[in-house]
Amino acid sequence: MAELVDSRQERLRRNRWWAFPLLALIFFGTSALWFASGSVGAGSLMLGLAVVAIGWLAWNNFRFDRRLSQMRGRLRS
């Protein structure tokens, strides 16, 4: 069971380095495009959505990583 937790945590950490910057580029790039096209309202809404979405994803990822670390510690002790 500890090996399963380790493999899941490794996959979670391995994909973190490229997934968050790509999502940030997509969200903030869309917002920048709205601003560049002259739609300040849509750009502001997308910027707010981007901040909330990236924040929630980061919090959820780190929370899940912490839970896996706790599980691994309990299984090994």
C-alpha atoms as a PDB file:
ATOM      1  CA  MET A   1       0.000   0.000   0.000  1.00  0.00           C
ATOM      2  CA  ALA A   2       2.913   2.354   0.748  1.00  0.00           C
ATOM      3  CA  GLU A   3       4.235   1.790  -2.786  1.00  0.00           C
ATOM      4  CA  LEU A   4       0.867   2.843  -4.207  1.00  0.00           C
ATOM      5  CA  VAL A   5       0.908   6.038  -2.161  1.00  0.00           C
ATOM      6  CA  ASP A   6       4.496   6.740  -3.226  1.00  0.00           C
ATOM      7  CA  SER A   7       3.720   6.256  -6.908  1.00  0.00           C
ATOM      8  CA  ARG A   8       0.652   8.484  -6.689  1.00  0.00           C
ATOM      9  CA  GLN A   9       2.593  11.210  -4.919  1.00  0.00           C
ATOM     10  CA  GLU A  10       5.437  10.969  -7.438  1.00  0.00           C
ATOM     11  CA  ARG A  11       2.991  11.382 -10.348  1.00  0.00           C
ATOM     12  CA  LEU A  12       1.363  14.323  -8.600  1.00  0.00           C
ATOM     13  CA  ARG A  13       4.717  16.066  -8.116  1.00  0.00           C
ATOM     14  CA  ARG A  14       6.089  15.152 -11.556  1.00  0.00           C
ATOM     15  CA  ASN A  15       3.288  16.903 -13.434  1.00  0.00           C
ATOM     16  CA  ARG A  16       3.189  19.974 -11.190  1.00  0.00           C
ATOM     17  CA  TRP A  17       6.192  21.714 -12.764  1.00  0.00           C
ATOM     18  CA  TRP A  18       4.567  22.072 -16.198  1.00  0.00           C
ATOM     19  CA  ALA A  19       0.839  21.996 -15.432  1.00  0.00           C
ATOM     20  CA  PHE A  20       0.614  25.126 -13.276  1.00  0.00           C
ATOM     21  CA  PRO A  21       2.600  27.401 -15.622  1.00  0.00           C
ATOM     22  CA  LEU A  22       0.593  26.148 -18.606  1.00  0.00           C
ATOM     23  CA  LEU A  23      -2.713  26.777 -16.854  1.00  0.00           C
ATOM     24  CA  ALA A  24      -1.539  30.206 -15.728  1.00  0.00           C
ATOM     25  CA  LEU A  25      -0.523  31.036 -19.300  1.00  0.00           C
ATOM     26  CA  ILE A  26      -3.924  29.966 -20.607  1.00  0.00           C
ATOM     27  CA  PHE A  27      -5.942  31.809 -17.950  1.00  0.00           C
ATOM     28  CA  PHE A  28      -3.889  35.007 -17.835  1.00  0.00           C
ATOM     29  CA  GLY A  29      -3.312  34.983 -21.596  1.00  0.00           C
ATOM     30  CA  THR A  30      -7.048  34.871 -22.196  1.00  0.00           C
ATOM     31  CA  SER A  31      -7.481  37.778 -19.834  1.00  0.00           C
ATOM     32  CA  ALA A  32      -4.731  39.734 -21.617  1.00  0.00           C
ATOM     33  CA  LEU A  33      -6.412  39.083 -24.964  1.00  0.00           C
ATOM     34  CA  TRP A  34      -9.698  40.436 -23.640  1.00  0.00           C
ATOM     35  CA  PHE A  35      -7.928  43.555 -22.367  1.00  0.00           C
ATOM     36  CA  ALA A  36      -6.089  43.967 -25.683  1.00  0.00           C
ATOM     37  CA  SER A  37      -9.329  43.748 -27.640  1.00  0.00           C
ATOM     38  CA  GLY A  38     -10.744  46.613 -25.570  1.00  0.00           C
ATOM     39  CA  SER A  39     -13.196  44.688 -23.444  1.00  0.00           C
ATOM     40  CA  VAL A  40     -12.194  45.771 -19.950  1.00  0.00           C
ATOM     41  CA  GLY A  41     -15.205  44.155 -18.256  1.00  0.00           C
ATOM     42  CA  ALA A  42     -14.593  40.721 -19.772  1.00  0.00           C
ATOM     43  CA  GLY A  43     -10.850  41.035 -19.168  1.00  0.00           C
ATOM     44  CA  SER A  44     -11.403  41.904 -15.513  1.00  0.00           C
ATOM     45  CA  LEU A  45     -13.858  39.044 -15.075  1.00  0.00           C
ATOM     46  CA  MET A  46     -11.432  36.599 -16.681  1.00  0.00           C
ATOM     47  CA  LEU A  47      -8.566  37.924 -14.566  1.00  0.00           C
ATOM     48  CA  GLY A  48     -10.599  37.386 -11.391  1.00  0.00           C
ATOM     49  CA  LEU A  49     -11.573  33.920 -12.548  1.00  0.00           C
ATOM     50  CA  ALA A  50      -7.925  33.144 -13.335  1.00  0.00           C
ATOM     51  CA  VAL A  51      -6.742  34.178  -9.875  1.00  0.00           C
ATOM     52  CA  VAL A  52      -9.470  32.153  -8.161  1.00  0.00           C
ATOM     53  CA  ALA A  53      -8.970  29.075 -10.367  1.00  0.00           C
ATOM     54  CA  ILE A  54      -5.162  28.995 -10.075  1.00  0.00           C
ATOM     55  CA  GLY A  55      -5.377  29.608  -6.326  1.00  0.00           C
ATOM     56  CA  TRP A  56      -7.911  26.827  -5.854  1.00  0.00           C
ATOM     57  CA  LEU A  57      -5.916  24.387  -7.992  1.00  0.00           C
ATOM     58  CA  ALA A  58      -2.682  25.143  -6.132  1.00  0.00           C
ATOM     59  CA  TRP A  59      -4.367  24.818  -2.729  1.00  0.00           C
ATOM     60  CA  ASN A  60      -6.034  21.548  -3.727  1.00  0.00           C
ATOM     61  CA  ASN A  61      -2.786  20.131  -5.130  1.00  0.00           C
ATOM     62  CA  PHE A  62      -0.732  20.969  -2.042  1.00  0.00           C
ATOM     63  CA  ARG A  63      -3.496  19.705   0.258  1.00  0.00           C
ATOM     64  CA  PHE A  64      -3.601  16.383  -1.588  1.00  0.00           C
ATOM     65  CA  ASP A  65       0.203  16.148  -1.506  1.00  0.00           C
ATOM     66  CA  ARG A  66       0.177  16.746   2.258  1.00  0.00           C
ATOM     67  CA  ARG A  67      -2.501  14.081   2.748  1.00  0.00           C
ATOM     68  CA  LEU A  68      -0.461  11.560   0.756  1.00  0.00           C
ATOM     69  CA  SER A  69       2.603  12.366   2.885  1.00  0.00           C
ATOM     70  CA  GLN A  70       0.568  11.764   6.040  1.00  0.00           C
ATOM     71  CA  MET A  71      -0.735   8.466   4.634  1.00  0.00           C
ATOM     72  CA  ARG A  72       2.790   7.344   3.764  1.00  0.00           C
ATOM     73  CA  GLY A  73       3.984   8.206   7.266  1.00  0.00           C
ATOM     74  CA  ARG A  74       1.165   6.247   8.866  1.00  0.00           C
ATOM     75  CA  LEU A  75       1.767   3.242   6.648  1.00  0.00           C
ATOM     76  CA  ARG A  76       5.504   3.130   7.372  1.00  0.00           C
ATOM     77  CA  SER A  77       5.189   3.500  11.131  1.00  0.00           C
END
